[in-house]
Amino acid sequence: MSLTPAFAPTSLAGPALQGLLLCGSLIVAIGAQNAFLLRQGLRREHVAPLVLACSLADALLIALGVAGLAGLLGARPQLAQAMAAAGVLFLLAYGLRALWQARKPSTLQAAQGSSLSLRAALLQLAGFTLLNPHVYLDTVLLMGSVGAQQTSGAARAAFVVGASSASLIWFTGLGFGARKLAPLFAKPRAWQVFDALIGAVMLLMAWQLLPLAAGGHLAP
């Protein structure tokens, strides 16, 4: 399937809109990064720095992909395999930890339980972002390939700005919008179910990464 843009932009608004729509369609999928940010938003812990870190990471990876990193990663399958192996271990550890927390609903209230320092939260977010090959497939490979086909440097920059804007809008809504769910998550049982779902998502993503970590391809 060709990644050629569906329309010929007549101004910088064209590639910017294309980047916005493409990134917006990819970023809403439930994944480790989104689940972690949602949980921190519900707990109201370090939301602004985490939203900023998520947005900047996406912007940087998309820009690197447009600048040519997509081709470099495509020619280095060993690098993708190493990243997948690290991602499997990281997701397994966090997923099992979430399932362990879900055993005791009385300790899962938003105002209770162990809180993360800003440093610890940023380190965990970095793991969910940088150790997940799906992030590179979406931002560097797919979006980088589409953005690189824009007709000029200005158009490629506009594409990156549009895509980065979609990330900022999404992560801001996810992180700060989670507060509206606070009354529901004041109930210990809701936290128990949420942590169980997070654990299941993490383990499922680890399972999907196993083929790539073993030298094959990502599971569908």
Protein backbone atom coordinates (compact mmCIF):
# COMPACT_ATOMS: atom_id res chain seq x y z
CA MET A 1 0.00 0.00 0.00
CA SER A 2 1.36 3.37 -0.96
CA LEU A 3 1.97 5.95 1.73
CA THR A 4 1.65 8.80 -0.76
CA PRO A 5 -0.51 11.61 0.69
CA ALA A 6 -4.15 11.39 -0.39
CA PHE A 7 -4.18 15.03 -1.49
CA ALA A 8 -1.70 17.49 -2.90
CA PRO A 9 -1.36 20.27 -0.32
CA THR A 10 -1.46 23.79 -1.69
CA SER A 11 -0.24 25.36 1.55
CA LEU A 12 1.34 24.41 4.84
CA ALA A 13 -2.16 23.84 6.24
CA GLY A 14 -2.46 20.70 4.10
CA PRO A 15 0.47 18.71 5.52
CA ALA A 16 -0.25 20.06 9.02
CA LEU A 17 -3.82 18.75 8.83
CA GLN A 18 -2.61 15.44 7.44
CA GLY A 19 -0.18 15.03 10.33
CA LEU A 20 -2.89 15.99 12.83
CA LEU A 21 -5.39 13.47 11.49
CA LEU A 22 -2.91 10.64 11.04
CA CYS A 23 -1.42 11.01 14.51
CA GLY A 24 -4.87 11.43 16.03
CA SER A 25 -6.05 8.17 14.49
CA LEU A 26 -3.03 6.26 15.82
CA ILE A 27 -2.62 7.70 19.29
CA VAL A 28 -6.06 6.87 20.71
CA ALA A 29 -5.35 3.13 20.81
CA ILE A 30 -5.16 1.85 24.40
CA GLY A 31 -1.56 1.07 25.25
CA ALA A 32 0.91 1.05 28.09
CA GLN A 33 1.75 4.75 27.85
CA ASN A 34 -1.90 5.86 27.76
CA ALA A 35 -2.87 3.53 30.60
CA PHE A 36 -0.05 4.83 32.81
CA LEU A 37 -0.92 8.47 32.12
CA LEU A 38 -4.59 7.78 32.82
CA ARG A 39 -3.72 6.20 36.15
CA GLN A 40 -1.53 9.13 37.16
CA GLY A 41 -4.30 11.50 36.08
CA LEU A 42 -6.77 9.70 38.30
CA ARG A 43 -4.34 9.97 41.19
CA ARG A 44 -3.54 13.60 40.26
CA GLU A 45 0.19 12.95 40.50
CA HIS A 46 2.65 14.89 38.32
CA VAL A 47 0.07 15.21 35.53
CA ALA A 48 1.49 18.32 33.84
CA PRO A 49 5.11 17.07 33.62
CA LEU A 50 3.94 13.67 32.36
CA VAL A 51 1.67 15.21 29.71
CA LEU A 52 4.55 17.40 28.57
CA ALA A 53 6.96 14.44 28.51
CA CYS A 54 4.54 12.31 26.44
CA SER A 55 3.97 15.13 23.96
CA LEU A 56 7.66 15.97 23.59
CA ALA A 57 8.59 12.31 23.13
CA ASP A 58 6.06 11.92 20.32
CA ALA A 59 7.18 15.15 18.66
CA LEU A 60 10.83 14.11 18.80
CA LEU A 61 10.22 10.60 17.45
CA ILE A 62 8.01 11.87 14.62
CA ALA A 63 10.58 14.52 13.69
CA LEU A 64 13.37 11.92 13.72
CA GLY A 65 11.29 9.63 11.52
CA VAL A 66 10.62 12.42 9.01
CA ALA A 67 14.32 13.28 9.06
CA GLY A 68 15.31 9.75 8.04
CA LEU A 69 15.42 7.52 11.13
CA ALA A 70 12.66 5.36 9.70
CA GLY A 71 14.99 4.04 7.00
CA LEU A 72 17.78 3.47 9.50
CA LEU A 73 15.63 1.38 11.85
CA GLY A 74 14.22 -0.58 8.94
CA ALA A 75 17.76 -1.62 8.02
CA ARG A 76 18.62 -2.71 11.61
CA PRO A 77 16.34 -5.62 12.58
CA GLN A 78 18.67 -6.54 15.46
CA LEU A 79 17.94 -3.21 17.11
CA ALA A 80 14.19 -3.79 16.90
CA GLN A 81 14.67 -7.27 18.38
CA ALA A 82 16.68 -5.94 21.33
CA MET A 83 14.10 -3.23 22.01
CA ALA A 84 11.31 -5.82 21.89
CA ALA A 85 13.08 -8.07 24.41
CA ALA A 86 13.54 -5.17 26.82
CA GLY A 87 9.92 -4.17 26.30
CA VAL A 88 8.66 -7.67 27.09
CA LEU A 89 10.52 -7.73 30.41
CA PHE A 90 9.37 -4.23 31.34
CA LEU A 91 5.72 -4.88 30.49
CA LEU A 92 5.72 -8.22 32.28
CA ALA A 93 7.08 -6.64 35.45
CA TYR A 94 4.60 -3.76 35.44
CA GLY A 95 1.65 -5.95 34.43
CA LEU A 96 2.28 -8.47 37.19
CA ARG A 97 2.72 -5.62 39.68
CA ALA A 98 -0.67 -4.14 38.66
CA LEU A 99 -2.37 -7.53 39.03
CA TRP A 100 -0.76 -7.95 42.45
CA GLN A 101 -2.12 -4.55 43.54
CA ALA A 102 -5.59 -5.52 42.33
CA ARG A 103 -5.81 -8.26 44.96
CA LYS A 104 -6.52 -5.75 47.76
CA PRO A 105 -9.11 -3.12 46.80
CA SER A 106 -8.88 -1.42 50.18
CA THR A 107 -5.38 -0.14 49.32
CA LEU A 108 -6.29 1.23 45.90
CA GLN A 109 -8.12 4.42 46.79
CA ALA A 110 -6.84 7.52 45.02
CA ALA A 111 -5.87 9.19 48.27
CA GLN A 112 -4.05 6.14 49.59
CA GLY A 113 -1.45 3.71 48.42
CA SER A 114 2.13 4.41 47.47
CA SER A 115 2.78 7.56 45.48
CA LEU A 116 5.47 7.93 42.86
CA SER A 117 8.08 10.65 42.98
CA LEU A 118 8.34 12.80 39.86
CA ARG A 119 11.61 11.08 38.96
CA ALA A 120 10.11 7.60 39.35
CA ALA A 121 7.04 8.56 37.34
CA LEU A 122 9.16 9.97 34.50
CA LEU A 123 11.39 6.88 34.49
CA GLN A 124 8.37 4.57 34.25
CA LEU A 125 6.91 6.72 31.48
CA ALA A 126 10.23 6.58 29.62
CA GLY A 127 10.11 2.80 29.84
CA PHE A 128 6.57 2.64 28.45
CA THR A 129 7.56 5.01 25.65
CA LEU A 130 11.08 4.02 24.63
CA LEU A 131 10.94 0.25 25.28
CA ASN A 132 7.78 -0.28 23.25
CA PRO A 133 8.40 -1.08 19.57
CA HIS A 134 4.78 -0.19 18.78
CA VAL A 135 5.69 3.43 19.54
CA TYR A 136 8.44 3.33 16.92
CA LEU A 137 6.19 1.62 14.39
CA ASP A 138 3.59 4.37 14.74
CA THR A 139 5.74 7.47 15.15
CA VAL A 140 9.08 6.78 13.48
CA LEU A 141 8.23 4.26 10.77
CA LEU A 142 4.65 5.01 9.71
CA MET A 143 4.38 8.72 10.41
CA GLY A 144 8.03 9.31 9.53
CA SER A 145 7.53 7.64 6.15
CA VAL A 146 4.43 9.69 5.37
CA GLY A 147 5.97 12.95 6.55
CA ALA A 148 9.16 12.35 4.59
CA GLN A 149 7.13 12.32 1.37
CA GLN A 150 6.04 15.94 1.75
CA THR A 151 7.25 18.11 -1.10
CA SER A 152 9.45 20.58 0.80
CA GLY A 153 11.23 21.15 4.07
CA ALA A 154 8.55 23.61 5.17
CA ALA A 155 5.82 21.11 4.38
CA ARG A 156 7.63 18.38 6.34
CA ALA A 157 7.97 20.74 9.30
CA ALA A 158 4.25 21.57 9.08
CA PHE A 159 3.46 17.84 9.09
CA VAL A 160 5.50 17.37 12.27
CA VAL A 161 3.80 20.36 13.92
CA GLY A 162 0.35 19.02 13.04
CA ALA A 163 1.14 15.53 14.31
CA SER A 164 2.70 16.92 17.50
CA SER A 165 -0.40 19.02 18.09
CA ALA A 166 -2.55 15.90 17.98
CA SER A 167 -0.33 14.29 20.63
CA LEU A 168 -0.50 17.35 22.87
CA ILE A 169 -4.30 17.57 22.59
CA TRP A 170 -4.75 13.86 23.31
CA PHE A 171 -2.38 13.61 26.24
CA THR A 172 -3.70 16.83 27.81
CA GLY A 173 -7.27 15.54 27.60
CA LEU A 174 -6.31 12.12 28.91
CA GLY A 175 -4.21 13.36 31.83
CA PHE A 176 -6.38 16.23 33.05
CA GLY A 177 -9.71 14.81 31.89
CA ALA A 178 -9.18 11.78 34.11
CA ARG A 179 -10.04 13.98 37.10
CA LYS A 180 -13.69 13.93 36.06
CA LEU A 181 -13.67 10.20 36.81
CA ALA A 182 -12.41 10.81 40.35
CA PRO A 183 -15.82 10.26 42.04
CA LEU A 184 -16.07 6.83 40.44
CA PHE A 185 -12.53 5.90 41.44
CA ALA A 186 -13.12 7.00 45.03
CA LYS A 187 -14.53 3.50 45.39
CA PRO A 188 -11.86 0.89 46.18
CA ARG A 189 -13.56 -1.67 43.90
CA ALA A 190 -13.17 0.63 40.89
CA TRP A 191 -9.42 0.86 41.49
CA GLN A 192 -9.27 -2.91 41.79
CA VAL A 193 -10.95 -3.38 38.41
CA PHE A 194 -8.84 -0.64 36.81
CA ASP A 195 -5.55 -2.14 38.02
CA ALA A 196 -6.69 -5.56 36.84
CA LEU A 197 -7.43 -4.13 33.38
CA ILE A 198 -4.07 -2.34 33.27
CA GLY A 199 -2.29 -5.56 34.23
CA ALA A 200 -4.15 -7.45 31.50
CA VAL A 201 -3.26 -4.79 28.87
CA MET A 202 0.42 -4.89 29.84
CA LEU A 203 0.59 -8.69 29.70
CA LEU A 204 -1.23 -8.74 26.35
CA MET A 205 1.25 -6.25 24.89
CA ALA A 206 4.15 -8.32 26.25
CA TRP A 207 2.66 -11.39 24.54
CA GLN A 208 2.34 -9.48 21.25
CA LEU A 209 6.00 -8.44 21.45
CA LEU A 210 7.31 -11.97 22.07
CA PRO A 211 7.55 -12.92 18.36
CA LEU A 212 9.59 -9.81 17.58
CA ALA A 213 11.83 -10.40 20.60
CA ALA A 214 12.44 -13.90 19.27
CA GLY A 215 13.49 -12.55 15.88
CA GLY A 216 10.15 -12.73 14.08
CA HIS A 217 7.43 -10.15 13.47
CA LEU A 218 4.96 -8.38 15.69
CA ALA A 219 1.83 -10.34 16.51
CA PRO A 220 -1.34 -8.89 14.92
